[in-house]
Amino acid sequence: MQPKIEDLPKLAKDKHNENKKFFAKLKKKPPKNLDYVMQELHEEEFERTDCLQCANCCKTTGPLFTDKDIERIAKHFKMKQQQFIDQYLRIDEENDYVLQSVPCTFLDADNYCLIYDVRPKACREFPHTDRKKFQQITNLTLKNVAICPAAFNIVEAMKQRIK
């Protein structure tokens, strides 16, 4: 099932308590093969999912920019790091560099990323469903299922696979 973007927040909200309970159990006693299962579910989902059809993550949220991201992207634009920061970023309430606004400045009309080859680590790894020790990022995943249809599907498949 590929949920429609406009339905995703409601679907995620409806599943929130169920997902929260599932993740609480997962944290207490993660299966030995969790990383393997997550990698498999992630790969299966992204064989069916075309991010260019969606780009909801780029349209509704902004990534965190690490110092390395800033250095790499500023170099790409042939700018000084401080210039890049001043032009595109702000510091959020957690003292992290984030975009000044969403949708992402670097998203074009066809959902392509204008800085794809040098994009931030957070973008490269989104929705983080293939991360090692997945049980450590369940709070982030609860948020991501409301943004990313693939993350929603992976969590639903995960609940079927891991009883």
Protein backbone atom coordinates (compact mmCIF):
# COMPACT_ATOMS: atom_id res chain seq x y z
CA MET A 1 0.00 0.00 0.00
CA GLN A 2 1.35 3.40 -0.96
CA PRO A 3 -0.37 5.95 1.29
CA LYS A 4 -1.22 9.28 -0.29
CA ILE A 5 0.85 12.17 1.03
CA GLU A 6 -2.24 14.11 2.08
CA ASP A 7 -3.48 11.11 4.12
CA LEU A 8 -0.14 10.36 5.77
CA PRO A 9 -0.36 12.64 8.83
CA LYS A 10 -3.78 11.20 9.76
CA LEU A 11 -2.67 7.60 9.11
CA ALA A 12 0.45 8.15 11.21
CA LYS A 13 -1.64 9.72 13.98
CA ASP A 14 -4.07 6.77 13.92
CA LYS A 15 -1.14 4.33 14.23
CA HIS A 16 0.87 6.42 16.72
CA ASN A 17 -0.11 4.60 19.93
CA GLU A 18 0.21 1.18 18.30
CA ASN A 19 3.66 2.12 16.93
CA LYS A 20 4.75 3.59 20.25
CA LYS A 21 3.86 0.36 22.10
CA PHE A 22 5.58 -1.73 19.43
CA PHE A 23 8.75 0.38 19.65
CA ALA A 24 8.73 0.27 23.47
CA LYS A 25 8.78 -3.55 23.30
CA LEU A 26 11.44 -3.43 20.63
CA LYS A 27 13.67 -1.23 22.79
CA LYS A 28 13.31 -3.55 25.80
CA LYS A 29 14.18 -6.69 23.89
CA PRO A 30 15.45 -6.07 20.35
CA PRO A 31 15.60 -9.24 18.24
CA LYS A 32 19.14 -10.41 17.47
CA ASN A 33 18.48 -10.06 13.73
CA LEU A 34 16.86 -6.58 13.90
CA ASP A 35 19.51 -4.82 11.81
CA TYR A 36 19.26 -7.53 9.15
CA VAL A 37 15.44 -7.37 9.08
CA MET A 38 15.45 -3.57 8.88
CA GLN A 39 17.98 -3.58 6.03
CA GLU A 40 15.83 -6.09 4.14
CA LEU A 41 12.57 -4.16 4.71
CA HIS A 42 14.27 -0.91 3.74
CA GLU A 43 15.67 -2.35 0.50
CA GLU A 44 12.36 -4.00 -0.43
CA GLU A 45 10.44 -0.77 0.14
CA PHE A 46 12.86 1.40 -1.83
CA GLU A 47 12.67 -0.96 -4.81
CA ARG A 48 8.98 0.12 -5.03
CA THR A 49 9.32 3.72 -3.89
CA ASP A 50 10.44 6.60 -6.10
CA CYS A 51 11.38 9.54 -3.90
CA LEU A 52 11.16 11.88 -6.91
CA GLN A 53 7.40 11.23 -7.03
CA CYS A 54 7.08 12.49 -3.45
CA ALA A 55 9.89 14.64 -1.99
CA ASN A 56 7.63 15.32 1.00
CA CYS A 57 10.66 15.31 3.31
CA CYS A 58 12.19 18.19 1.29
CA LYS A 59 8.88 20.04 1.13
CA THR A 60 7.92 19.83 4.80
CA THR A 61 11.05 19.45 6.92
CA GLY A 62 14.61 20.64 6.90
CA PRO A 63 17.71 18.61 7.61
CA LEU A 64 20.25 19.28 10.28
CA PHE A 65 23.53 20.52 8.78
CA THR A 66 26.75 19.27 10.39
CA ASP A 67 30.01 21.20 10.20
CA LYS A 68 31.20 18.73 7.54
CA ASP A 69 27.99 19.29 5.53
CA ILE A 70 28.48 23.05 5.66
CA GLU A 71 32.13 22.75 4.63
CA ARG A 72 31.32 20.41 1.72
CA ILE A 73 28.32 22.39 0.40
CA ALA A 74 30.03 25.78 0.76
CA LYS A 75 33.00 24.41 -1.20
CA HIS A 76 30.56 23.16 -3.87
CA PHE A 77 29.17 26.70 -4.22
CA LYS A 78 32.69 28.19 -4.03
CA MET A 79 31.60 30.20 -0.99
CA LYS A 80 33.12 30.79 2.39
CA GLN A 81 31.41 28.69 5.05
CA GLN A 82 30.13 31.76 6.90
CA GLN A 83 28.66 33.10 3.65
CA PHE A 84 26.79 29.82 3.13
CA ILE A 85 25.53 29.88 6.74
CA ASP A 86 24.38 33.49 6.46
CA GLN A 87 22.60 32.91 3.15
CA TYR A 88 20.86 29.57 3.82
CA LEU A 89 20.92 28.52 7.47
CA ARG A 90 19.77 29.48 10.93
CA ILE A 91 20.37 28.03 14.39
CA ASP A 92 17.35 26.21 15.84
CA GLU A 93 16.21 25.78 19.44
CA GLU A 94 18.56 22.80 19.88
CA ASN A 95 21.51 24.88 18.69
CA ASP A 96 21.77 23.03 15.36
CA TYR A 97 22.15 24.53 11.92
CA VAL A 98 18.98 24.08 9.86
CA LEU A 99 17.52 25.69 6.73
CA GLN A 100 16.09 29.18 7.13
CA SER A 101 12.84 27.96 5.60
CA VAL A 102 11.04 25.01 4.04
CA PRO A 103 10.47 23.77 1.42
CA CYS A 104 14.18 23.19 0.93
CA THR A 105 15.91 25.93 -1.02
CA PHE A 106 17.74 23.28 -3.02
CA LEU A 107 14.62 21.43 -4.26
CA ASP A 108 13.72 22.16 -7.88
CA ALA A 109 10.27 22.05 -9.49
CA ASP A 110 10.73 18.41 -10.60
CA ASN A 111 11.62 17.26 -7.05
CA TYR A 112 15.30 16.97 -7.91
CA CYS A 113 17.89 18.08 -5.38
CA LEU A 114 20.16 20.77 -6.78
CA ILE A 115 22.96 19.69 -4.42
CA TYR A 116 22.29 15.93 -4.52
CA ASP A 117 25.95 14.90 -4.78
CA VAL A 118 26.92 17.03 -1.76
CA ARG A 119 23.63 16.95 0.16
CA PRO A 120 23.64 16.86 3.99
CA LYS A 121 24.19 13.55 5.78
CA ALA A 122 20.66 13.79 7.22
CA CYS A 123 19.24 13.85 3.68
CA ARG A 124 21.44 10.99 2.49
CA GLU A 125 20.28 8.79 5.38
CA PHE A 126 16.58 9.75 5.47
CA PRO A 127 14.27 8.08 6.54
CA HIS A 128 16.94 6.26 8.61
CA THR A 129 15.09 2.93 8.42
CA ASP A 130 18.25 1.03 7.51
CA ARG A 131 20.27 2.43 10.39
CA LYS A 132 22.20 0.00 12.60
CA LYS A 133 20.73 -0.35 16.11
CA PHE A 134 17.39 0.86 14.75
CA GLN A 135 15.80 0.52 18.22
CA GLN A 136 17.78 3.62 19.28
CA ILE A 137 15.98 5.94 16.84
CA THR A 138 12.36 4.91 17.33
CA ASN A 139 11.32 8.43 18.42
CA LEU A 140 12.68 9.81 15.16
CA THR A 141 10.91 7.04 13.24
CA LEU A 142 7.59 7.92 14.90
CA LYS A 143 7.98 11.41 13.40
CA ASN A 144 9.17 10.16 10.01
CA VAL A 145 6.15 7.90 9.39
CA ALA A 146 4.04 11.08 9.23
CA ILE A 147 6.37 12.54 6.56
CA CYS A 148 7.57 9.61 4.47
CA PRO A 149 5.26 7.01 2.89
CA ALA A 150 8.20 4.58 2.64
CA ALA A 151 8.93 4.90 6.37
CA PHE A 152 5.22 4.32 7.09
CA ASN A 153 5.23 1.16 4.95
CA ILE A 154 8.48 -0.11 6.49
CA VAL A 155 7.10 0.24 10.02
CA GLU A 156 3.88 -1.52 9.01
CA ALA A 157 5.88 -4.37 7.42
CA MET A 158 8.12 -4.48 10.48
CA LYS A 159 5.14 -5.01 12.78
CA GLN A 160 4.10 -7.99 10.65
CA ARG A 161 7.59 -9.46 10.54
CA ILE A 162 8.63 -8.96 14.16
CA LYS A 163 5.97 -10.29 16.53
